[in-house]
N, C-alpha and C. Protein backbone atom coordinates (compact mmCIF):
# COMPACT_ATOMS: atom_id res chain seq x y z
N MET A 1 124.21 82.45 102.29
CA MET A 1 124.66 81.37 103.14
C MET A 1 126.09 81.71 103.56
N GLY A 2 126.35 81.59 104.84
CA GLY A 2 127.67 81.85 105.35
C GLY A 2 128.60 80.66 105.14
N ILE A 3 129.86 80.87 105.40
CA ILE A 3 130.85 79.81 105.22
C ILE A 3 130.55 78.63 106.12
N ALA A 4 130.22 78.89 107.38
CA ALA A 4 129.94 77.80 108.32
C ALA A 4 128.74 76.99 107.86
N ALA A 5 127.71 77.67 107.39
CA ALA A 5 126.52 76.96 106.92
C ALA A 5 126.85 76.13 105.68
N GLY A 6 127.70 76.67 104.79
CA GLY A 6 128.10 75.93 103.59
C GLY A 6 128.88 74.68 103.95
N ILE A 7 129.78 74.80 104.91
CA ILE A 7 130.57 73.64 105.35
C ILE A 7 129.66 72.61 105.98
N LYS A 8 128.71 73.07 106.78
CA LYS A 8 127.78 72.16 107.43
C LYS A 8 126.94 71.41 106.37
N GLN A 9 126.49 72.13 105.36
CA GLN A 9 125.70 71.50 104.31
C GLN A 9 126.55 70.50 103.53
N LEU A 10 127.79 70.85 103.21
CA LEU A 10 128.68 69.95 102.50
C LEU A 10 128.93 68.68 103.31
N THR A 11 129.18 68.85 104.59
CA THR A 11 129.41 67.71 105.47
C THR A 11 128.19 66.79 105.49
N ARG A 12 127.02 67.37 105.57
CA ARG A 12 125.78 66.59 105.56
C ARG A 12 125.64 65.81 104.24
N ARG A 13 125.95 66.48 103.12
CA ARG A 13 125.83 65.81 101.82
C ARG A 13 126.81 64.65 101.70
N LEU A 14 128.00 64.84 102.24
CA LEU A 14 128.99 63.77 102.16
C LEU A 14 128.55 62.56 102.97
N HIS A 15 127.85 62.80 104.06
CA HIS A 15 127.43 61.70 104.92
C HIS A 15 126.11 61.05 104.49
N ASP A 16 125.28 61.79 103.76
CA ASP A 16 124.00 61.19 103.38
C ASP A 16 124.03 60.48 102.03
N GLY A 17 125.18 60.50 101.36
CA GLY A 17 125.32 59.76 100.11
C GLY A 17 124.92 60.54 98.88
N SER A 18 124.40 61.75 99.02
CA SER A 18 123.99 62.49 97.83
C SER A 18 125.19 62.88 96.98
N ALA A 19 126.33 63.09 97.61
CA ALA A 19 127.55 63.39 96.85
C ALA A 19 127.94 62.18 96.00
N ASP A 20 127.80 60.98 96.55
CA ASP A 20 128.10 59.76 95.79
C ASP A 20 127.17 59.62 94.59
N ARG A 21 125.91 59.93 94.77
CA ARG A 21 124.95 59.85 93.66
C ARG A 21 125.32 60.85 92.58
N ALA A 22 125.70 62.06 92.96
CA ALA A 22 126.09 63.08 91.99
C ALA A 22 127.35 62.64 91.24
N LEU A 23 128.29 62.07 91.96
CA LEU A 23 129.52 61.61 91.32
C LEU A 23 129.24 60.48 90.33
N ARG A 24 128.35 59.57 90.68
CA ARG A 24 127.99 58.49 89.77
C ARG A 24 127.35 59.04 88.51
N HIS A 25 126.51 60.06 88.68
CA HIS A 25 125.85 60.70 87.54
C HIS A 25 126.90 61.28 86.60
N TYR A 26 127.87 61.98 87.14
CA TYR A 26 128.91 62.57 86.31
C TYR A 26 129.89 61.53 85.79
N GLN A 27 130.07 60.44 86.50
CA GLN A 27 130.95 59.38 86.05
C GLN A 27 130.45 58.80 84.72
N ASP A 28 129.14 58.64 84.60
CA ASP A 28 128.57 58.15 83.36
C ASP A 28 128.86 59.11 82.21
N LYS A 29 128.73 60.39 82.47
CA LYS A 29 129.01 61.39 81.44
C LYS A 29 130.50 61.39 81.08
N LEU A 30 131.35 61.27 82.08
CA LEU A 30 132.79 61.24 81.85
C LEU A 30 133.16 60.04 80.98
N GLU A 31 132.59 58.89 81.25
CA GLU A 31 132.87 57.70 80.45
C GLU A 31 132.41 57.90 79.01
N ALA A 32 131.28 58.56 78.83
CA ALA A 32 130.78 58.83 77.47
C ALA A 32 131.72 59.79 76.73
N VAL A 33 132.20 60.81 77.44
CA VAL A 33 133.16 61.75 76.84
C VAL A 33 134.43 61.00 76.46
N ASN A 34 134.93 60.20 77.36
CA ASN A 34 136.16 59.45 77.09
C ASN A 34 136.00 58.49 75.91
N ALA A 35 134.81 57.96 75.73
CA ALA A 35 134.56 57.03 74.61
C ALA A 35 134.69 57.73 73.26
N LEU A 36 134.45 59.04 73.23
CA LEU A 36 134.56 59.80 71.98
C LEU A 36 136.00 60.22 71.67
N GLU A 37 136.89 60.11 72.65
CA GLU A 37 138.25 60.59 72.48
C GLU A 37 138.99 59.98 71.29
N PRO A 38 138.99 58.65 71.10
CA PRO A 38 139.74 58.10 69.96
C PRO A 38 139.28 58.65 68.61
N GLN A 39 137.98 58.77 68.45
CA GLN A 39 137.41 59.29 67.21
C GLN A 39 137.82 60.74 66.99
N LEU A 40 137.75 61.56 68.01
CA LEU A 40 138.10 62.97 67.87
C LEU A 40 139.60 63.17 67.72
N ARG A 41 140.37 62.33 68.37
CA ARG A 41 141.82 62.45 68.27
C ARG A 41 142.28 62.22 66.83
N GLN A 42 141.59 61.34 66.09
CA GLN A 42 141.96 61.04 64.71
C GLN A 42 141.39 62.05 63.71
N ALA A 43 140.46 62.88 64.15
CA ALA A 43 139.81 63.83 63.25
C ALA A 43 140.78 64.95 62.86
N SER A 44 140.63 65.40 61.64
CA SER A 44 141.43 66.54 61.17
C SER A 44 140.84 67.83 61.75
N GLU A 45 141.58 68.91 61.59
CA GLU A 45 141.08 70.20 62.05
C GLU A 45 139.80 70.58 61.31
N THR A 46 139.77 70.27 60.02
CA THR A 46 138.57 70.54 59.22
C THR A 46 137.39 69.75 59.74
N GLN A 47 137.61 68.48 60.07
CA GLN A 47 136.53 67.65 60.60
C GLN A 47 136.03 68.18 61.95
N LEU A 48 136.95 68.67 62.79
CA LEU A 48 136.54 69.25 64.07
C LEU A 48 135.71 70.51 63.85
N ARG A 49 136.10 71.32 62.87
CA ARG A 49 135.31 72.52 62.56
C ARG A 49 133.91 72.13 62.06
N GLN A 50 133.85 71.10 61.25
CA GLN A 50 132.55 70.63 60.75
C GLN A 50 131.69 70.12 61.90
N GLU A 51 132.29 69.40 62.82
CA GLU A 51 131.55 68.90 63.98
C GLU A 51 131.04 70.06 64.83
N THR A 52 131.88 71.08 64.99
CA THR A 52 131.47 72.26 65.74
C THR A 52 130.27 72.92 65.08
N GLU A 53 130.32 73.07 63.78
CA GLU A 53 129.21 73.68 63.05
C GLU A 53 127.94 72.83 63.17
N ALA A 54 128.08 71.52 63.10
CA ALA A 54 126.92 70.64 63.23
C ALA A 54 126.28 70.78 64.62
N LEU A 55 127.11 70.89 65.66
CA LEU A 55 126.58 71.08 67.01
C LEU A 55 125.90 72.44 67.13
N ARG A 56 126.49 73.45 66.52
CA ARG A 56 125.88 74.79 66.55
C ARG A 56 124.51 74.76 65.88
N GLU A 57 124.42 74.08 64.74
CA GLU A 57 123.14 73.98 64.03
C GLU A 57 122.10 73.23 64.86
N ARG A 58 122.52 72.16 65.54
CA ARG A 58 121.59 71.44 66.41
C ARG A 58 121.08 72.33 67.53
N ALA A 59 121.97 73.15 68.09
CA ALA A 59 121.57 74.06 69.17
C ALA A 59 120.56 75.09 68.64
N HIS A 60 120.83 75.63 67.46
CA HIS A 60 119.90 76.60 66.87
C HIS A 60 118.56 75.97 66.50
N ALA A 61 118.58 74.67 66.22
CA ALA A 61 117.36 73.95 65.87
C ALA A 61 116.54 73.55 67.10
N GLY A 62 117.10 73.81 68.29
CA GLY A 62 116.33 73.56 69.51
C GLY A 62 116.84 72.45 70.39
N ALA A 63 117.91 71.80 70.03
CA ALA A 63 118.46 70.75 70.90
C ALA A 63 118.92 71.39 72.21
N SER A 64 118.66 70.72 73.29
CA SER A 64 119.06 71.28 74.58
C SER A 64 120.55 71.07 74.80
N LEU A 65 121.13 71.92 75.59
CA LEU A 65 122.54 71.79 75.91
C LEU A 65 122.81 70.49 76.65
N ASP A 66 121.85 70.04 77.45
CA ASP A 66 122.02 68.76 78.15
C ASP A 66 122.12 67.60 77.16
N GLU A 67 121.36 67.67 76.07
CA GLU A 67 121.41 66.62 75.06
C GLU A 67 122.77 66.58 74.37
N MET A 68 123.41 67.72 74.26
CA MET A 68 124.67 67.82 73.53
C MET A 68 125.89 67.89 74.43
N LEU A 69 125.69 67.84 75.72
CA LEU A 69 126.77 68.07 76.69
C LEU A 69 127.98 67.18 76.45
N VAL A 70 127.77 65.90 76.30
CA VAL A 70 128.89 64.96 76.15
C VAL A 70 129.68 65.28 74.89
N GLU A 71 128.98 65.48 73.77
CA GLU A 71 129.67 65.77 72.51
C GLU A 71 130.42 67.09 72.56
N VAL A 72 129.77 68.10 73.13
CA VAL A 72 130.40 69.42 73.21
C VAL A 72 131.64 69.36 74.09
N PHE A 73 131.52 68.73 75.24
CA PHE A 73 132.66 68.67 76.15
C PHE A 73 133.82 67.91 75.52
N ALA A 74 133.52 66.79 74.86
CA ALA A 74 134.57 66.00 74.22
C ALA A 74 135.27 66.81 73.12
N LEU A 75 134.49 67.54 72.35
CA LEU A 75 135.05 68.36 71.27
C LEU A 75 135.92 69.48 71.83
N VAL A 76 135.42 70.18 72.82
CA VAL A 76 136.18 71.27 73.43
C VAL A 76 137.46 70.74 74.05
N ARG A 77 137.39 69.60 74.71
CA ARG A 77 138.58 69.03 75.33
C ARG A 77 139.63 68.69 74.28
N GLU A 78 139.21 68.10 73.16
CA GLU A 78 140.16 67.75 72.10
C GLU A 78 140.81 69.00 71.50
N VAL A 79 140.01 70.02 71.24
CA VAL A 79 140.55 71.24 70.67
C VAL A 79 141.51 71.90 71.66
N ALA A 80 141.16 71.92 72.93
CA ALA A 80 142.03 72.51 73.94
C ALA A 80 143.34 71.74 74.03
N GLN A 81 143.29 70.44 73.97
CA GLN A 81 144.53 69.64 74.03
C GLN A 81 145.42 69.94 72.84
N ARG A 82 144.83 70.16 71.69
CA ARG A 82 145.63 70.47 70.50
C ARG A 82 146.22 71.88 70.59
N GLU A 83 145.45 72.81 71.08
CA GLU A 83 145.89 74.20 71.11
C GLU A 83 146.79 74.53 72.29
N ILE A 84 146.49 73.98 73.44
CA ILE A 84 147.22 74.30 74.67
C ILE A 84 148.29 73.26 74.95
N GLY A 85 147.98 72.04 74.61
CA GLY A 85 148.95 70.96 74.82
C GLY A 85 148.70 70.12 76.01
């Protein structure tokens, strides 16, 4: 797809409301991630490592990444904030 075709498709999506639907879908996930922030902020480094291991075990047991997306993103965000600032 060329640049012009991509811009045309983006413009169409913005006007047909599909972009709004996608944003609403992600807004729900963002709110869920944000809801985990207080709990993760209070967790010790050891507790964060344990949570990471628990998520890894769930993934190895067959849980889909979509099922774990909110928890994984919240955990990664908290660790990044601690490490990067």
